[in-house]
Amino acid sequence: MHWFYKICIVLIIVGGINWGLVGLFGFNLVAWLLGGAQSIFSRAVFTLVGAAAICAIPSLFDAGRDSAAQP
């Protein structure tokens, strides 16, 4: 499952960079690369980024438990 979380982190980073560009410059890189915000490819990437963010939520709670267990 370790590779799964790495993929999730990469997708979250892609989403974060994309949202940063949208916020700073009004430029949607994913939509630009994949044929517009309504293209099936852009929507697939947006969906994967959202799913990755949801899958990463439990790791927030696991990280706190791991650091508390160390002396």
C-alpha atoms as a PDB file:
ATOM      1  CA  MET A   1       0.000   0.000   0.000  1.00  0.00           C
ATOM      2  CA  HIS A   2       3.080   2.238   0.241  1.00  0.00           C
ATOM      3  CA  TRP A   3       3.054   2.904  -3.530  1.00  0.00           C
ATOM      4  CA  PHE A   4      -0.618   3.835  -3.313  1.00  0.00           C
ATOM      5  CA  TYR A   5       0.119   6.721  -0.951  1.00  0.00           C
ATOM      6  CA  LYS A   6       3.004   7.896  -3.127  1.00  0.00           C
ATOM      7  CA  ILE A   7       0.656   8.106  -6.103  1.00  0.00           C
ATOM      8  CA  CYS A   8      -1.841   9.977  -3.926  1.00  0.00           C
ATOM      9  CA  ILE A   9       0.819  12.481  -2.873  1.00  0.00           C
ATOM     10  CA  VAL A  10       1.880  13.075  -6.490  1.00  0.00           C
ATOM     11  CA  LEU A  11      -1.738  13.698  -7.495  1.00  0.00           C
ATOM     12  CA  ILE A  12      -2.261  16.039  -4.543  1.00  0.00           C
ATOM     13  CA  ILE A  13       0.853  17.982  -5.550  1.00  0.00           C
ATOM     14  CA  VAL A  14      -0.426  18.250  -9.139  1.00  0.00           C
ATOM     15  CA  GLY A  15      -3.743  19.550  -7.809  1.00  0.00           C
ATOM     16  CA  GLY A  16      -2.036  21.987  -5.473  1.00  0.00           C
ATOM     17  CA  ILE A  17       0.159  23.414  -8.204  1.00  0.00           C
ATOM     18  CA  ASN A  18      -2.832  23.687 -10.514  1.00  0.00           C
ATOM     19  CA  TRP A  19      -4.908  25.512  -7.880  1.00  0.00           C
ATOM     20  CA  GLY A  20      -1.962  27.787  -7.150  1.00  0.00           C
ATOM     21  CA  LEU A  21      -1.759  28.737 -10.810  1.00  0.00           C
ATOM     22  CA  VAL A  22      -5.519  29.300 -10.933  1.00  0.00           C
ATOM     23  CA  GLY A  23      -5.353  31.504  -7.844  1.00  0.00           C
ATOM     24  CA  LEU A  24      -2.321  33.538  -8.880  1.00  0.00           C
ATOM     25  CA  PHE A  25      -2.755  33.836 -12.620  1.00  0.00           C
ATOM     26  CA  GLY A  26      -6.215  32.520 -13.493  1.00  0.00           C
ATOM     27  CA  PHE A  27      -4.518  29.780 -15.525  1.00  0.00           C
ATOM     28  CA  ASN A  28      -5.735  26.177 -15.330  1.00  0.00           C
ATOM     29  CA  LEU A  29      -2.738  24.098 -16.418  1.00  0.00           C
ATOM     30  CA  VAL A  30      -4.545  20.747 -16.377  1.00  0.00           C
ATOM     31  CA  ALA A  31      -7.360  22.079 -18.558  1.00  0.00           C
ATOM     32  CA  TRP A  32      -4.878  23.747 -20.891  1.00  0.00           C
ATOM     33  CA  LEU A  33      -2.850  20.546 -21.302  1.00  0.00           C
ATOM     34  CA  LEU A  34      -5.830  18.235 -21.690  1.00  0.00           C
ATOM     35  CA  GLY A  35      -8.205  20.144 -23.938  1.00  0.00           C
ATOM     36  CA  GLY A  36     -10.273  22.402 -21.715  1.00  0.00           C
ATOM     37  CA  ALA A  37     -11.915  22.137 -18.326  1.00  0.00           C
ATOM     38  CA  GLN A  38     -14.884  20.199 -19.713  1.00  0.00           C
ATOM     39  CA  SER A  39     -12.871  17.585 -21.628  1.00  0.00           C
ATOM     40  CA  ILE A  40     -13.157  14.023 -20.391  1.00  0.00           C
ATOM     41  CA  PHE A  41      -9.402  13.900 -19.768  1.00  0.00           C
ATOM     42  CA  SER A  42      -9.345  17.022 -17.598  1.00  0.00           C
ATOM     43  CA  ARG A  43     -12.364  15.820 -15.667  1.00  0.00           C
ATOM     44  CA  ALA A  44     -10.654  12.459 -15.124  1.00  0.00           C
ATOM     45  CA  VAL A  45      -7.557  14.171 -13.706  1.00  0.00           C
ATOM     46  CA  PHE A  46      -9.702  16.415 -11.485  1.00  0.00           C
ATOM     47  CA  THR A  47     -11.559  13.338 -10.235  1.00  0.00           C
ATOM     48  CA  LEU A  48      -8.327  11.456  -9.524  1.00  0.00           C
ATOM     49  CA  VAL A  49      -6.896  14.425  -7.631  1.00  0.00           C
ATOM     50  CA  GLY A  50     -10.048  14.654  -5.527  1.00  0.00           C
ATOM     51  CA  ALA A  51     -10.033  10.905  -4.840  1.00  0.00           C
ATOM     52  CA  ALA A  52      -6.345  11.074  -3.880  1.00  0.00           C
ATOM     53  CA  ALA A  53      -7.074  13.864  -1.416  1.00  0.00           C
ATOM     54  CA  ILE A  54      -9.862  11.845   0.173  1.00  0.00           C
ATOM     55  CA  CYS A  55      -7.635   8.752   0.371  1.00  0.00           C
ATOM     56  CA  ALA A  56      -4.894  10.804   2.048  1.00  0.00           C
ATOM     57  CA  ILE A  57      -7.111  11.968   4.916  1.00  0.00           C
ATOM     58  CA  PRO A  58      -6.441   8.885   7.117  1.00  0.00           C
ATOM     59  CA  SER A  59      -2.685   9.440   6.793  1.00  0.00           C
ATOM     60  CA  LEU A  60      -3.101  12.687   8.745  1.00  0.00           C
ATOM     61  CA  PHE A  61      -4.272  10.722  11.747  1.00  0.00           C
ATOM     62  CA  ASP A  62      -1.743   7.893  11.291  1.00  0.00           C
ATOM     63  CA  ALA A  63       1.148  10.363  11.216  1.00  0.00           C
ATOM     64  CA  GLY A  64       0.170  11.771  14.595  1.00  0.00           C
ATOM     65  CA  ARG A  65      -0.040   8.318  16.118  1.00  0.00           C
ATOM     66  CA  ASP A  66       3.380   7.272  14.760  1.00  0.00           C
ATOM     67  CA  SER A  67       5.185  10.338  16.081  1.00  0.00           C
ATOM     68  CA  ALA A  68       3.586   9.949  19.521  1.00  0.00           C
ATOM     69  CA  ALA A  69       4.783   6.340  19.747  1.00  0.00           C
ATOM     70  CA  GLN A  70       8.445   7.255  19.303  1.00  0.00           C
ATOM     71  CA  PRO A  71      10.461   8.087  22.415  1.00  0.00           C
END
